[in-house]
Amino acid sequence: MIEKKDIEHLAKLSRIELTESDNQGLTKDIESILGYVDQLKEVEADLTEKKAGENRNVLREDENPHESGIHTKDILKEAPSTEDNFIKVKNIL
């Protein structure tokens, strides 16, 4: 299936040096991997029907949401430094 020259070519592309025993071991390993891939090619799989789980919203519905900005003044009052209704922080970049 795979020849010694193929392993040597892969080693050259990978920029690794192989001994003769490394070459034989890799030949055996790669043949085993390619044999497994051939087995996978033979498997008949019916991919026409796709199943999906039940989708549902797991978040709760808001009950009596508060109006936007209701707590802004309280938060800004507690901040050490503010500017134009924003909390001012040190530059980090």
PDB file of N, CA and C in Angstrom:
ATOM      1  N   MET A   1       0.827  -1.183   0.000  1.00  0.00           N
ATOM      2  CA  MET A   1       0.000   0.000   0.000  1.00  0.00           C
ATOM      3  C   MET A   1       0.881   1.260   0.000  1.00  0.00           C
ATOM      4  N   ILE A   2       1.595   1.469   1.076  1.00  0.00           N
ATOM      5  CA  ILE A   2       2.481   2.635   1.152  1.00  0.00           C
ATOM      6  C   ILE A   2       3.920   2.136   1.061  1.00  0.00           C
ATOM      7  N   GLU A   3       4.726   2.842   0.344  1.00  0.00           N
ATOM      8  CA  GLU A   3       6.087   2.375   0.093  1.00  0.00           C
ATOM      9  C   GLU A   3       7.101   3.182   0.901  1.00  0.00           C
ATOM     10  N   LYS A   4       8.300   2.649   0.937  1.00  0.00           N
ATOM     11  CA  LYS A   4       9.391   3.280   1.680  1.00  0.00           C
ATOM     12  C   LYS A   4       9.657   4.691   1.164  1.00  0.00           C
ATOM     13  N   LYS A   5       9.591   4.871  -0.153  1.00  0.00           N
ATOM     14  CA  LYS A   5       9.857   6.193  -0.728  1.00  0.00           C
ATOM     15  C   LYS A   5       8.803   7.213  -0.288  1.00  0.00           C
ATOM     16  N   ASP A   6       7.554   6.733  -0.051  1.00  0.00           N
ATOM     17  CA  ASP A   6       6.502   7.637   0.428  1.00  0.00           C
ATOM     18  C   ASP A   6       6.818   8.134   1.839  1.00  0.00           C
ATOM     19  N   ILE A   7       7.276   7.235   2.682  1.00  0.00           N
ATOM     20  CA  ILE A   7       7.647   7.606   4.051  1.00  0.00           C
ATOM     21  C   ILE A   7       8.827   8.566   4.029  1.00  0.00           C
ATOM     22  N   GLU A   8       9.798   8.283   3.180  1.00  0.00           N
ATOM     23  CA  GLU A   8      10.956   9.176   3.074  1.00  0.00           C
ATOM     24  C   GLU A   8      10.538  10.559   2.581  1.00  0.00           C
ATOM     25  N   HIS A   9       9.583  10.596   1.662  1.00  0.00           N
ATOM     26  CA  HIS A   9       9.090  11.886   1.160  1.00  0.00           C
ATOM     27  C   HIS A   9       8.372  12.660   2.272  1.00  0.00           C
ATOM     28  N   LEU A  10       7.543  11.961   3.042  1.00  0.00           N
ATOM     29  CA  LEU A  10       6.853  12.609   4.168  1.00  0.00           C
ATOM     30  C   LEU A  10       7.849  13.122   5.202  1.00  0.00           C
ATOM     31  N   ALA A  11       8.888  12.348   5.452  1.00  0.00           N
ATOM     32  CA  ALA A  11       9.916  12.770   6.409  1.00  0.00           C
ATOM     33  C   ALA A  11      10.629  14.012   5.908  1.00  0.00           C
ATOM     34  N   LYS A  12      10.901  14.049   4.618  1.00  0.00           N
ATOM     35  CA  LYS A  12      11.570  15.217   4.042  1.00  0.00           C
ATOM     36  C   LYS A  12      10.679  16.452   4.150  1.00  0.00           C
ATOM     37  N   LEU A  13       9.380  16.281   3.843  1.00  0.00           N
ATOM     38  CA  LEU A  13       8.446  17.404   3.957  1.00  0.00           C
ATOM     39  C   LEU A  13       8.321  17.883   5.401  1.00  0.00           C
ATOM     40  N   SER A  14       8.399  16.932   6.335  1.00  0.00           N
ATOM     41  CA  SER A  14       8.277  17.263   7.761  1.00  0.00           C
ATOM     42  C   SER A  14       9.586  17.737   8.362  1.00  0.00           C
ATOM     43  N   ARG A  15      10.659  17.626   7.571  1.00  0.00           N
ATOM     44  CA  ARG A  15      12.002  18.012   8.014  1.00  0.00           C
ATOM     45  C   ARG A  15      12.441  17.232   9.257  1.00  0.00           C
ATOM     46  N   ILE A  16      12.202  15.916   9.181  1.00  0.00           N
ATOM     47  CA  ILE A  16      12.660  15.041  10.255  1.00  0.00           C
ATOM     48  C   ILE A  16      13.537  13.949   9.651  1.00  0.00           C
ATOM     49  N   GLU A  17      14.464  13.467  10.442  1.00  0.00           N
ATOM     50  CA  GLU A  17      15.329  12.379  10.008  1.00  0.00           C
ATOM     51  C   GLU A  17      14.808  11.084  10.608  1.00  0.00           C
ATOM     52  N   LEU A  18      14.719  10.056   9.773  1.00  0.00           N
ATOM     53  CA  LEU A  18      14.219   8.766  10.224  1.00  0.00           C
ATOM     54  C   LEU A  18      15.298   7.708  10.072  1.00  0.00           C
ATOM     55  N   THR A  19      15.367   6.835  11.064  1.00  0.00           N
ATOM     56  CA  THR A  19      16.230   5.664  10.939  1.00  0.00           C
ATOM     57  C   THR A  19      15.456   4.603  10.162  1.00  0.00           C
ATOM     58  N   GLU A  20      16.119   3.539   9.821  1.00  0.00           N
ATOM     59  CA  GLU A  20      15.452   2.452   9.085  1.00  0.00           C
ATOM     60  C   GLU A  20      14.329   1.846   9.919  1.00  0.00           C
ATOM     61  N   SER A  21      14.557   1.703  11.233  1.00  0.00           N
ATOM     62  CA  SER A  21      13.503   1.143  12.097  1.00  0.00           C
ATOM     63  C   SER A  21      12.328   2.112  12.218  1.00  0.00           C
ATOM     64  N   ASP A  22      12.615   3.424  12.265  1.00  0.00           N
ATOM     65  CA  ASP A  22      11.538   4.417  12.275  1.00  0.00           C
ATOM     66  C   ASP A  22      10.719   4.313  10.993  1.00  0.00           C
ATOM     67  N   ASN A  23      11.420   4.163   9.880  1.00  0.00           N
ATOM     68  CA  ASN A  23      10.766   4.073   8.582  1.00  0.00           C
ATOM     69  C   ASN A  23       9.840   2.859   8.534  1.00  0.00           C
ATOM     70  N   GLN A  24      10.315   1.721   9.016  1.00  0.00           N
ATOM     71  CA  GLN A  24       9.497   0.507   9.026  1.00  0.00           C
ATOM     72  C   GLN A  24       8.296   0.658   9.957  1.00  0.00           C
ATOM     73  N   GLY A  25       8.527   1.254  11.126  1.00  0.00           N
ATOM     74  CA  GLY A  25       7.428   1.455  12.074  1.00  0.00           C
ATOM     75  C   GLY A  25       6.367   2.390  11.525  1.00  0.00           C
ATOM     76  N   LEU A  26       6.801   3.481  10.907  1.00  0.00           N
ATOM     77  CA  LEU A  26       5.838   4.421  10.331  1.00  0.00           C
ATOM     78  C   LEU A  26       5.080   3.800   9.166  1.00  0.00           C
ATOM     79  N   THR A  27       5.765   2.996   8.376  1.00  0.00           N
ATOM     80  CA  THR A  27       5.089   2.316   7.271  1.00  0.00           C
ATOM     81  C   THR A  27       3.959   1.448   7.810  1.00  0.00           C
ATOM     82  N   LYS A  28       4.255   0.692   8.849  1.00  0.00           N
ATOM     83  CA  LYS A  28       3.247  -0.178   9.466  1.00  0.00           C
ATOM     84  C   LYS A  28       2.091   0.651  10.039  1.00  0.00           C
ATOM     85  N   ASP A  29       2.413   1.724  10.761  1.00  0.00           N
ATOM     86  CA  ASP A  29       1.382   2.567  11.371  1.00  0.00           C
ATOM     87  C   ASP A  29       0.499   3.232  10.322  1.00  0.00           C
ATOM     88  N   ILE A  30       1.105   3.776   9.283  1.00  0.00           N
ATOM     89  CA  ILE A  30       0.328   4.481   8.263  1.00  0.00           C
ATOM     90  C   ILE A  30      -0.542   3.503   7.483  1.00  0.00           C
ATOM     91  N   GLU A  31      -0.024   2.298   7.206  1.00  0.00           N
ATOM     92  CA  GLU A  31      -0.845   1.291   6.536  1.00  0.00           C
ATOM     93  C   GLU A  31      -2.047   0.919   7.398  1.00  0.00           C
ATOM     94  N   SER A  32      -1.851   0.832   8.696  1.00  0.00           N
ATOM     95  CA  SER A  32      -2.947   0.532   9.616  1.00  0.00           C
ATOM     96  C   SER A  32      -3.989   1.647   9.594  1.00  0.00           C
ATOM     97  N   ILE A  33      -3.536   2.879   9.611  1.00  0.00           N
ATOM     98  CA  ILE A  33      -4.452   4.031   9.583  1.00  0.00           C
ATOM     99  C   ILE A  33      -5.223   4.062   8.269  1.00  0.00           C
ATOM    100  N   LEU A  34      -4.520   3.860   7.154  1.00  0.00           N
ATOM    101  CA  LEU A  34      -5.187   3.878   5.852  1.00  0.00           C
ATOM    102  C   LEU A  34      -6.175   2.723   5.717  1.00  0.00           C
ATOM    103  N   GLY A  35      -5.861   1.572   6.311  1.00  0.00           N
ATOM    104  CA  GLY A  35      -6.803   0.454   6.319  1.00  0.00           C
ATOM    105  C   GLY A  35      -8.070   0.807   7.070  1.00  0.00           C
ATOM    106  N   TYR A  36      -7.916   1.501   8.181  1.00  0.00           N
ATOM    107  CA  TYR A  36      -9.083   1.934   8.955  1.00  0.00           C
ATOM    108  C   TYR A  36      -9.921   2.926   8.158  1.00  0.00           C
ATOM    109  N   VAL A  37      -9.270   3.841   7.460  1.00  0.00           N
ATOM    110  CA  VAL A  37      -9.992   4.812   6.633  1.00  0.00           C
ATOM    111  C   VAL A  37     -10.752   4.095   5.525  1.00  0.00           C
ATOM    112  N   ASP A  38     -10.154   3.059   4.933  1.00  0.00           N
ATOM    113  CA  ASP A  38     -10.852   2.278   3.909  1.00  0.00           C
ATOM    114  C   ASP A  38     -12.094   1.608   4.487  1.00  0.00           C
ATOM    115  N   GLN A  39     -12.001   1.125   5.721  1.00  0.00           N
ATOM    116  CA  GLN A  39     -13.172   0.529   6.368  1.00  0.00           C
ATOM    117  C   GLN A  39     -14.269   1.568   6.550  1.00  0.00           C
ATOM    118  N   LEU A  40     -13.891   2.777   6.914  1.00  0.00           N
ATOM    119  CA  LEU A  40     -14.889   3.830   7.102  1.00  0.00           C
ATOM    120  C   LEU A  40     -15.580   4.186   5.792  1.00  0.00           C
ATOM    121  N   LYS A  41     -14.853   4.097   4.697  1.00  0.00           N
ATOM    122  CA  LYS A  41     -15.444   4.392   3.392  1.00  0.00           C
ATOM    123  C   LYS A  41     -16.534   3.394   3.035  1.00  0.00           C
ATOM    124  N   GLU A  42     -16.413   2.164   3.522  1.00  0.00           N
ATOM    125  CA  GLU A  42     -17.366   1.115   3.195  1.00  0.00           C
ATOM    126  C   GLU A  42     -18.638   1.173   4.036  1.00  0.00           C
ATOM    127  N   VAL A  43     -18.637   1.913   5.096  1.00  0.00           N
ATOM    128  CA  VAL A  43     -19.793   1.987   5.985  1.00  0.00           C
ATOM    129  C   VAL A  43     -20.928   2.705   5.272  1.00  0.00           C
ATOM    130  N   GLU A  44     -22.099   2.083   5.319  1.00  0.00           N
ATOM    131  CA  GLU A  44     -23.270   2.719   4.739  1.00  0.00           C
ATOM    132  C   GLU A  44     -23.946   3.541   5.829  1.00  0.00           C
ATOM    133  N   ALA A  45     -24.087   4.794   5.550  1.00  0.00           N
ATOM    134  CA  ALA A  45     -24.720   5.683   6.525  1.00  0.00           C
ATOM    135  C   ALA A  45     -25.841   6.433   5.829  1.00  0.00           C
ATOM    136  N   ASP A  46     -27.020   6.390   6.415  1.00  0.00           N
ATOM    137  CA  ASP A  46     -28.154   7.117   5.858  1.00  0.00           C
ATOM    138  C   ASP A  46     -28.178   8.497   6.495  1.00  0.00           C
ATOM    139  N   LEU A  47     -27.732   9.465   5.749  1.00  0.00           N
ATOM    140  CA  LEU A  47     -27.640  10.826   6.274  1.00  0.00           C
ATOM    141  C   LEU A  47     -28.805  11.694   5.826  1.00  0.00           C
ATOM    142  N   THR A  48     -29.863  11.056   5.295  1.00  0.00           N
ATOM    143  CA  THR A  48     -30.974  11.850   4.775  1.00  0.00           C
ATOM    144  C   THR A  48     -31.845  12.412   5.883  1.00  0.00           C
ATOM    145  N   GLU A  49     -32.002  11.683   6.961  1.00  0.00           N
ATOM    146  CA  GLU A  49     -32.871  12.153   8.034  1.00  0.00           C
ATOM    147  C   GLU A  49     -32.031  12.736   9.161  1.00  0.00           C
ATOM    148  N   LYS A  50     -32.219  13.991   9.396  1.00  0.00           N
ATOM    149  CA  LYS A  50     -31.489  14.640  10.481  1.00  0.00           C
ATOM    150  C   LYS A  50     -32.451  14.862  11.638  1.00  0.00           C
ATOM    151  N   LYS A  51     -31.991  14.523  12.786  1.00  0.00           N
ATOM    152  CA  LYS A  51     -32.826  14.692  13.972  1.00  0.00           C
ATOM    153  C   LYS A  51     -32.245  15.800  14.832  1.00  0.00           C
ATOM    154  N   ALA A  52     -33.116  16.584  15.370  1.00  0.00           N
ATOM    155  CA  ALA A  52     -32.683  17.660  16.258  1.00  0.00           C
ATOM    156  C   ALA A  52     -33.476  17.557  17.547  1.00  0.00           C
ATOM    157  N   GLY A  53     -32.874  17.981  18.602  1.00  0.00           N
ATOM    158  CA  GLY A  53     -33.561  17.967  19.882  1.00  0.00           C
ATOM    159  C   GLY A  53     -34.642  19.033  19.942  1.00  0.00           C
ATOM    160  N   GLU A  54     -35.459  18.914  20.938  1.00  0.00           N
ATOM    161  CA  GLU A  54     -36.536  19.881  21.109  1.00  0.00           C
ATOM    162  C   GLU A  54     -35.947  21.219  21.543  1.00  0.00           C
ATOM    163  N   ASN A  55     -36.236  22.246  20.787  1.00  0.00           N
ATOM    164  CA  ASN A  55     -35.764  23.582  21.141  1.00  0.00           C
ATOM    165  C   ASN A  55     -36.816  24.266  21.996  1.00  0.00           C
ATOM    166  N   ARG A  56     -36.364  24.778  23.089  1.00  0.00           N
ATOM    167  CA  ARG A  56     -37.290  25.522  23.935  1.00  0.00           C
ATOM    168  C   ARG A  56     -36.514  26.621  24.638  1.00  0.00           C
ATOM    169  N   ASN A  57     -37.217  27.649  24.996  1.00  0.00           N
ATOM    170  CA  ASN A  57     -36.611  28.780  25.674  1.00  0.00           C
ATOM    171  C   ASN A  57     -36.495  28.440  27.158  1.00  0.00           C
ATOM    172  N   VAL A  58     -35.280  28.404  27.657  1.00  0.00           N
ATOM    173  CA  VAL A  58     -35.073  28.054  29.056  1.00  0.00           C
ATOM    174  C   VAL A  58     -34.970  29.296  29.940  1.00  0.00           C
ATOM    175  N   LEU A  59     -35.073  30.459  29.338  1.00  0.00           N
ATOM    176  CA  LEU A  59     -35.019  31.695  30.108  1.00  0.00           C
ATOM    177  C   LEU A  59     -36.415  32.066  30.590  1.00  0.00           C
ATOM    178  N   ARG A  60     -36.470  32.677  31.719  1.00  0.00           N
ATOM    179  CA  ARG A  60     -37.773  33.063  32.251  1.00  0.00           C
ATOM    180  C   ARG A  60     -38.263  34.329  31.560  1.00  0.00           C
ATOM    181  N   GLU A  61     -39.540  34.521  31.557  1.00  0.00           N
ATOM    182  CA  GLU A  61     -40.122  35.754  31.042  1.00  0.00           C
ATOM    183  C   GLU A  61     -39.945  36.845  32.093  1.00  0.00           C
ATOM    184  N   ASP A  62     -39.630  38.051  31.652  1.00  0.00           N
ATOM    185  CA  ASP A  62     -39.518  39.171  32.578  1.00  0.00           C
ATOM    186  C   ASP A  62     -40.891  39.519  33.128  1.00  0.00           C
ATOM    187  N   GLU A  63     -40.939  39.676  34.431  1.00  0.00           N
ATOM    188  CA  GLU A  63     -42.174  40.099  35.073  1.00  0.00           C
ATOM    189  C   GLU A  63     -41.953  41.498  35.618  1.00  0.00           C
ATOM    190  N   ASN A  64     -42.767  42.407  35.257  1.00  0.00           N
ATOM    191  CA  ASN A  64     -42.692  43.798  35.700  1.00  0.00           C
ATOM    192  C   ASN A  64     -41.288  44.380  35.509  1.00  0.00           C
ATOM    193  N   PRO A  65     -40.818  44.475  34.292  1.00  0.00           N
ATOM    194  CA  PRO A  65     -39.483  45.051  34.086  1.00  0.00           C
ATOM    195  C   PRO A  65     -39.460  46.521  34.493  1.00  0.00           C
ATOM    196  N   HIS A  66     -38.339  46.953  35.063  1.00  0.00           N
ATOM    197  CA  HIS A  66     -38.221  48.342  35.493  1.00  0.00           C
ATOM    198  C   HIS A  66     -37.892  49.220  34.296  1.00  0.00           C
ATOM    199  N   GLU A  67     -38.138  50.496  34.436  1.00  0.00           N
ATOM    200  CA  GLU A  67     -37.853  51.414  33.336  1.00  0.00           C
ATOM    201  C   GLU A  67     -36.350  51.620  33.198  1.00  0.00           C
ATOM    202  N   SER A  68     -35.905  51.866  31.984  1.00  0.00           N
ATOM    203  CA  SER A  68     -34.491  52.021  31.693  1.00  0.00           C
ATOM    204  C   SER A  68     -33.924  53.251  32.396  1.00  0.00           C
ATOM    205  N   GLY A  69     -32.735  53.104  32.987  1.00  0.00           N
ATOM    206  CA  GLY A  69     -32.042  54.222  33.611  1.00  0.00           C
ATOM    207  C   GLY A  69     -32.517  54.575  35.003  1.00  0.00           C
ATOM    208  N   ILE A  70     -33.369  53.780  35.586  1.00  0.00           N
ATOM    209  CA  ILE A  70     -33.936  54.112  36.896  1.00  0.00           C
ATOM    210  C   ILE A  70     -32.860  54.110  37.993  1.00  0.00           C
ATOM    211  N   HIS A  71     -31.819  53.308  37.843  1.00  0.00           N
ATOM    212  CA  HIS A  71     -30.780  53.210  38.867  1.00  0.00           C
ATOM    213  C   HIS A  71     -29.498  53.941  38.482  1.00  0.00           C
ATOM    214  N   THR A  72     -29.485  54.621  37.360  1.00  0.00           N
ATOM    215  CA  THR A  72     -28.268  55.260  36.860  1.00  0.00           C
ATOM    216  C   THR A  72     -27.696  56.261  37.855  1.00  0.00           C
ATOM    217  N   LYS A  73     -28.525  57.119  38.404  1.00  0.00           N
ATOM    218  CA  LYS A  73     -28.033  58.144  39.337  1.00  0.00           C
ATOM    219  C   LYS A  73     -27.415  57.512  40.575  1.00  0.00           C
ATOM    220  N   ASP A  74     -28.049  56.471  41.096  1.00  0.00           N
ATOM    221  CA  ASP A  74     -27.517  55.808  42.291  1.00  0.00           C
ATOM    222  C   ASP A  74     -26.159  55.159  42.009  1.00  0.00           C
ATOM    223  N   ILE A  75     -26.024  54.543  40.847  1.00  0.00           N
ATOM    224  CA  ILE A  75     -24.759  53.891  40.491  1.00  0.00           C
ATOM    225  C   ILE A  75     -23.671  54.930  40.288  1.00  0.00           C
ATOM    226  N   LEU A  76     -23.978  56.001  39.563  1.00  0.00           N
ATOM    227  CA  LEU A  76     -22.987  57.047  39.305  1.00  0.00           C
ATOM    228  C   LEU A  76     -22.554  57.738  40.591  1.00  0.00           C
ATOM    229  N   LYS A  77     -23.459  57.851  41.540  1.00  0.00           N
ATOM    230  CA  LYS A  77     -23.148  58.487  42.818  1.00  0.00           C
ATOM    231  C   LYS A  77     -22.109  57.668  43.591  1.00  0.00           C
ATOM    232  N   GLU A  78     -22.109  56.352  43.428  1.00  0.00           N
ATOM    233  CA  GLU A  78     -21.180  55.477  44.140  1.00  0.00           C
ATOM    234  C   GLU A  78     -19.837  55.329  43.426  1.00  0.00           C
ATOM    235  N   ALA A  79     -19.754  55.700  42.155  1.00  0.00           N
ATOM    236  CA  ALA A  79     -18.515  55.542  41.386  1.00  0.00           C
ATOM    237  C   ALA A  79     -17.485  56.568  41.828  1.00  0.00           C
ATOM    238  N   PRO A  80     -16.187  56.208  41.842  1.00  0.00           N
ATOM    239  CA  PRO A  80     -15.152  57.146  42.270  1.00  0.00           C
ATOM    240  C   PRO A  80     -14.970  58.315  41.307  1.00  0.00           C
ATOM    241  N   SER A  81     -15.212  58.100  40.003  1.00  0.00           N
ATOM    242  CA  SER A  81     -15.032  59.167  39.023  1.00  0.00           C
ATOM    243  C   SER A  81     -16.035  58.976  37.888  1.00  0.00           C
ATOM    244  N   THR A  82     -16.710  60.075  37.492  1.00  0.00           N
ATOM    245  CA  THR A  82     -17.697  59.997  36.415  1.00  0.00           C
ATOM    246  C   THR A  82     -17.491  61.143  35.434  1.00  0.00           C
ATOM    247  N   GLU A  83     -18.046  60.954  34.238  1.00  0.00           N
ATOM    248  CA  GLU A  83     -18.004  62.001  33.225  1.00  0.00           C
ATOM    249  C   GLU A  83     -19.172  61.785  32.269  1.00  0.00           C
ATOM    250  N   ASP A  84     -20.042  62.761  32.120  1.00  0.00           N
ATOM    251  CA  ASP A  84     -21.198  62.707  31.212  1.00  0.00           C
ATOM    252  C   ASP A  84     -22.026  61.433  31.389  1.00  0.00           C
ATOM    253  N   ASN A  85     -22.443  61.141  32.592  1.00  0.00           N
ATOM    254  CA  ASN A  85     -23.262  59.969  32.912  1.00  0.00           C
ATOM    255  C   ASN A  85     -22.575  58.632  32.611  1.00  0.00           C
ATOM    256  N   PHE A  86     -21.245  58.615  32.616  1.00  0.00           N
ATOM    257  CA  PHE A  86     -20.472  57.388  32.453  1.00  0.00           C
ATOM    258  C   PHE A  86     -19.510  57.270  33.625  1.00  0.00           C
ATOM    259  N   ILE A  87     -19.178  56.035  33.986  1.00  0.00           N
ATOM    260  CA  ILE A  87     -18.163  55.799  35.000  1.00  0.00           C
ATOM    261  C   ILE A  87     -16.811  55.908  34.322  1.00  0.00           C
ATOM    262  N   LYS A  88     -15.941  56.743  34.876  1.00  0.00           N
ATOM    263  CA  LYS A  88     -14.628  56.979  34.290  1.00  0.00           C
ATOM    264  C   LYS A  88     -13.623  56.018  34.920  1.00  0.00           C
ATOM    265  N   VAL A  89     -12.862  55.325  34.049  1.00  0.00           N
ATOM    266  CA  VAL A  89     -11.852  54.376  34.521  1.00  0.00           C
ATOM    267  C   VAL A  89     -10.507  54.715  33.895  1.00  0.00           C
ATOM    268  N   LYS A  90      -9.439  54.143  34.451  1.00  0.00           N
ATOM    269  CA  LYS A  90      -8.101  54.367  33.911  1.00  0.00           C
ATOM    270  C   LYS A  90      -7.969  53.682  32.554  1.00  0.00           C
ATOM    271  N   ASN A  91      -7.125  54.262  31.689  1.00  0.00           N
ATOM    272  CA  ASN A  91      -6.819  53.614  30.413  1.00  0.00           C
ATOM    273  C   ASN A  91      -6.037  52.341  30.679  1.00  0.00           C
ATOM    274  N   ILE A  92      -6.372  51.289  29.951  1.00  0.00           N
ATOM    275  CA  ILE A  92      -5.646  50.039  30.142  1.00  0.00           C
ATOM    276  C   ILE A  92      -4.819  49.660  28.925  1.00  0.00           C
ATOM    277  N   LEU A  93      -5.027  50.309  27.817  1.00  0.00           N
ATOM    278  CA  LEU A  93      -4.245  50.002  26.612  1.00  0.00           C
ATOM    279  C   LEU A  93      -3.424  51.195  26.199  1.00  0.00           C
TER     280      LEU A  93
END
